[in-house]
């Protein structure tokens, strides 16, 4: 499984948990960014080669909702999973309307997270 996954989160702890979960299930081609602005540069530099995006909602510099909107300007098809502690339905709807395809609430169980990942990568 060599599909490239971009994970964008400002928490090192969350990035480590995600990396361990993905690696355990055989996903090792993971790119990390700490905010939306950094992620957008990575997306532009890797257009067409990333199979899945995982974006945190609340981040410095550029938040996840803005990042979804910006990403959809340059990549309309790659699935975007929002990862957040937010349970705010309004934010979920904004993310969906901007082009997000999935939503995972933190903290999450690795197994459930991977099921969502695999649903979009299969």
C-alpha atoms as a PDB file:
ATOM      1  CA  UNK A   1       0.000   0.000   0.000  1.00  0.00           C
ATOM      2  CA  UNK A   2       1.950   2.935  -1.232  1.00  0.00           C
ATOM      3  CA  UNK A   3      -0.821   5.498  -1.468  1.00  0.00           C
ATOM      4  CA  UNK A   4       0.315   8.928  -0.354  1.00  0.00           C
ATOM      5  CA  UNK A   5      -1.660  10.475   2.528  1.00  0.00           C
ATOM      6  CA  UNK A   6      -1.341  14.107   3.626  1.00  0.00           C
ATOM      7  CA  UNK A   7      -2.082  14.673   7.332  1.00  0.00           C
ATOM      8  CA  UNK A   8      -2.472  18.286   8.481  1.00  0.00           C
ATOM      9  CA  UNK A   9      -2.652  18.924  12.237  1.00  0.00           C
ATOM     10  CA  UNK A  10      -0.917  21.387  14.543  1.00  0.00           C
ATOM     11  CA  UNK A  11      -0.620  18.815  17.361  1.00  0.00           C
ATOM     12  CA  UNK A  12       2.539  16.667  17.353  1.00  0.00           C
ATOM     13  CA  UNK A  13       0.757  14.150  19.611  1.00  0.00           C
ATOM     14  CA  UNK A  14      -2.115  13.743  17.157  1.00  0.00           C
ATOM     15  CA  UNK A  15       0.305  13.416  14.226  1.00  0.00           C
ATOM     16  CA  UNK A  16       2.204  10.684  16.121  1.00  0.00           C
ATOM     17  CA  UNK A  17      -1.025   8.787  16.909  1.00  0.00           C
ATOM     18  CA  UNK A  18      -2.125   9.002  13.266  1.00  0.00           C
ATOM     19  CA  UNK A  19       1.289   7.902  12.011  1.00  0.00           C
ATOM     20  CA  UNK A  20       1.308   4.883  14.352  1.00  0.00           C
ATOM     21  CA  UNK A  21      -2.247   3.890  13.349  1.00  0.00           C
ATOM     22  CA  UNK A  22      -1.575   4.266   9.615  1.00  0.00           C
ATOM     23  CA  UNK A  23       1.805   2.482   9.815  1.00  0.00           C
ATOM     24  CA  UNK A  24       0.292  -0.412  11.782  1.00  0.00           C
ATOM     25  CA  UNK A  25      -2.182  -0.947   8.940  1.00  0.00           C
ATOM     26  CA  UNK A  26       0.501  -0.721   6.246  1.00  0.00           C
ATOM     27  CA  UNK A  27       0.184   2.928   5.231  1.00  0.00           C
ATOM     28  CA  UNK A  28       3.704   4.338   5.350  1.00  0.00           C
ATOM     29  CA  UNK A  29       3.708   7.007   2.632  1.00  0.00           C
ATOM     30  CA  UNK A  30       2.540   9.832   4.903  1.00  0.00           C
ATOM     31  CA  UNK A  31       3.289  13.538   4.507  1.00  0.00           C
ATOM     32  CA  UNK A  32       2.720  15.852   7.471  1.00  0.00           C
ATOM     33  CA  UNK A  33       1.986  19.573   7.697  1.00  0.00           C
ATOM     34  CA  UNK A  34       1.288  21.699  10.782  1.00  0.00           C
ATOM     35  CA  UNK A  35      -1.115  24.245   9.298  1.00  0.00           C
ATOM     36  CA  UNK A  36      -3.208  24.947   6.228  1.00  0.00           C
ATOM     37  CA  UNK A  37      -0.712  27.268   4.557  1.00  0.00           C
ATOM     38  CA  UNK A  38       2.073  24.669   4.758  1.00  0.00           C
ATOM     39  CA  UNK A  39      -0.361  22.002   3.535  1.00  0.00           C
ATOM     40  CA  UNK A  40      -1.467  24.060   0.545  1.00  0.00           C
ATOM     41  CA  UNK A  41       2.137  24.347  -0.657  1.00  0.00           C
ATOM     42  CA  UNK A  42       2.568  20.560  -0.303  1.00  0.00           C
ATOM     43  CA  UNK A  43      -0.701  19.952  -2.185  1.00  0.00           C
ATOM     44  CA  UNK A  44       0.385  22.229  -5.059  1.00  0.00           C
ATOM     45  CA  UNK A  45       3.797  20.513  -5.214  1.00  0.00           C
ATOM     46  CA  UNK A  46       2.256  17.014  -5.195  1.00  0.00           C
ATOM     47  CA  UNK A  47      -0.907  17.511  -7.238  1.00  0.00           C
ATOM     48  CA  UNK A  48      -2.229  14.198  -8.528  1.00  0.00           C
ATOM     49  CA  UNK A  49      -0.002  12.044  -6.316  1.00  0.00           C
ATOM     50  CA  UNK A  50      -1.819  12.315  -2.970  1.00  0.00           C
ATOM     51  CA  UNK A  51      -4.592   9.720  -2.529  1.00  0.00           C
ATOM     52  CA  UNK A  52      -6.181  11.138   0.632  1.00  0.00           C
ATOM     53  CA  UNK A  53      -6.165  14.286   2.760  1.00  0.00           C
ATOM     54  CA  UNK A  54      -6.729  14.346   6.538  1.00  0.00           C
ATOM     55  CA  UNK A  55      -7.247  17.907   7.820  1.00  0.00           C
ATOM     56  CA  UNK A  56      -7.635  19.162  11.378  1.00  0.00           C
ATOM     57  CA  UNK A  57     -10.292  21.880  11.683  1.00  0.00           C
ATOM     58  CA  UNK A  58      -8.675  24.210  14.241  1.00  0.00           C
ATOM     59  CA  UNK A  59      -5.117  25.203  13.275  1.00  0.00           C
ATOM     60  CA  UNK A  60      -3.026  28.378  13.257  1.00  0.00           C
ATOM     61  CA  UNK A  61      -2.241  30.342  10.056  1.00  0.00           C
ATOM     62  CA  UNK A  62      -5.017  28.708   7.979  1.00  0.00           C
ATOM     63  CA  UNK A  63      -7.776  26.596   9.527  1.00  0.00           C
ATOM     64  CA  UNK A  64      -9.088  23.345   8.079  1.00  0.00           C
ATOM     65  CA  UNK A  65     -12.335  24.783   6.731  1.00  0.00           C
ATOM     66  CA  UNK A  66     -10.417  27.360   4.684  1.00  0.00           C
ATOM     67  CA  UNK A  67      -7.931  24.672   3.644  1.00  0.00           C
ATOM     68  CA  UNK A  68     -10.763  22.481   2.273  1.00  0.00           C
ATOM     69  CA  UNK A  69     -12.044  25.398   0.203  1.00  0.00           C
ATOM     70  CA  UNK A  70      -8.532  26.258  -1.088  1.00  0.00           C
ATOM     71  CA  UNK A  71      -7.741  22.596  -1.817  1.00  0.00           C
ATOM     72  CA  UNK A  72     -10.924  22.190  -3.866  1.00  0.00           C
ATOM     73  CA  UNK A  73      -9.794  25.084  -6.090  1.00  0.00           C
ATOM     74  CA  UNK A  74      -6.863  22.926  -7.274  1.00  0.00           C
ATOM     75  CA  UNK A  75      -7.971  19.336  -6.556  1.00  0.00           C
ATOM     76  CA  UNK A  76     -11.654  18.498  -6.937  1.00  0.00           C
ATOM     77  CA  UNK A  77     -11.557  14.715  -6.546  1.00  0.00           C
ATOM     78  CA  UNK A  78      -9.179  13.568  -3.776  1.00  0.00           C
ATOM     79  CA  UNK A  79     -11.145  12.631  -0.627  1.00  0.00           C
ATOM     80  CA  UNK A  80     -10.774  14.967   2.367  1.00  0.00           C
ATOM     81  CA  UNK A  81     -11.382  13.667   5.886  1.00  0.00           C
ATOM     82  CA  UNK A  82     -11.827  16.303   8.581  1.00  0.00           C
ATOM     83  CA  UNK A  83     -10.298  15.339  11.930  1.00  0.00           C
ATOM     84  CA  UNK A  84     -11.396  17.352  14.932  1.00  0.00           C
ATOM     85  CA  UNK A  85     -12.607  17.617  18.497  1.00  0.00           C
ATOM     86  CA  UNK A  86     -15.456  19.721  17.079  1.00  0.00           C
ATOM     87  CA  UNK A  87     -18.930  18.226  17.150  1.00  0.00           C
ATOM     88  CA  UNK A  88     -20.465  21.472  15.885  1.00  0.00           C
ATOM     89  CA  UNK A  89     -22.945  20.496  13.148  1.00  0.00           C
ATOM     90  CA  UNK A  90     -22.599  23.951  11.528  1.00  0.00           C
ATOM     91  CA  UNK A  91     -18.852  23.433  11.008  1.00  0.00           C
ATOM     92  CA  UNK A  92     -19.493  19.938   9.663  1.00  0.00           C
ATOM     93  CA  UNK A  93     -21.935  21.370   7.118  1.00  0.00           C
ATOM     94  CA  UNK A  94     -19.490  24.137   6.123  1.00  0.00           C
ATOM     95  CA  UNK A  95     -16.740  21.533   5.650  1.00  0.00           C
ATOM     96  CA  UNK A  96     -19.063  19.324   3.591  1.00  0.00           C
ATOM     97  CA  UNK A  97     -20.284  22.257   1.503  1.00  0.00           C
ATOM     98  CA  UNK A  98     -16.652  23.258   0.871  1.00  0.00           C
ATOM     99  CA  UNK A  99     -15.833  19.745  -0.357  1.00  0.00           C
ATOM    100  CA  UNK A 100     -14.928  17.592   2.648  1.00  0.00           C
ATOM    101  CA  UNK A 101     -15.944  13.973   2.200  1.00  0.00           C
ATOM    102  CA  UNK A 102     -15.656  12.595   5.754  1.00  0.00           C
ATOM    103  CA  UNK A 103     -15.512  13.560   9.414  1.00  0.00           C
ATOM    104  CA  UNK A 104     -13.672  11.820  12.298  1.00  0.00           C
ATOM    105  CA  UNK A 105     -14.035  13.047  15.884  1.00  0.00           C
ATOM    106  CA  UNK A 106     -10.923  13.115  18.142  1.00  0.00           C
ATOM    107  CA  UNK A 107     -10.056  11.226  20.210  1.00  0.00           C
ATOM    108  CA  UNK A 108     -10.634   8.250  17.929  1.00  0.00           C
ATOM    109  CA  UNK A 109      -9.944   4.529  18.047  1.00  0.00           C
ATOM    110  CA  UNK A 110      -7.285   3.534  15.534  1.00  0.00           C
ATOM    111  CA  UNK A 111      -9.469   0.755  14.126  1.00  0.00           C
ATOM    112  CA  UNK A 112     -12.412   3.088  13.430  1.00  0.00           C
ATOM    113  CA  UNK A 113     -10.072   5.714  11.946  1.00  0.00           C
ATOM    114  CA  UNK A 114      -8.538   3.118   9.601  1.00  0.00           C
ATOM    115  CA  UNK A 115     -12.021   1.933   8.516  1.00  0.00           C
ATOM    116  CA  UNK A 116     -12.799   5.491   7.406  1.00  0.00           C
ATOM    117  CA  UNK A 117      -9.398   5.785   5.675  1.00  0.00           C
ATOM    118  CA  UNK A 118      -9.896   2.492   3.840  1.00  0.00           C
ATOM    119  CA  UNK A 119     -13.427   3.408   2.811  1.00  0.00           C
ATOM    120  CA  UNK A 120     -11.929   6.291   0.800  1.00  0.00           C
ATOM    121  CA  UNK A 121      -8.772   4.547  -0.433  1.00  0.00           C
ATOM    122  CA  UNK A 122     -10.356   1.362  -1.799  1.00  0.00           C
END
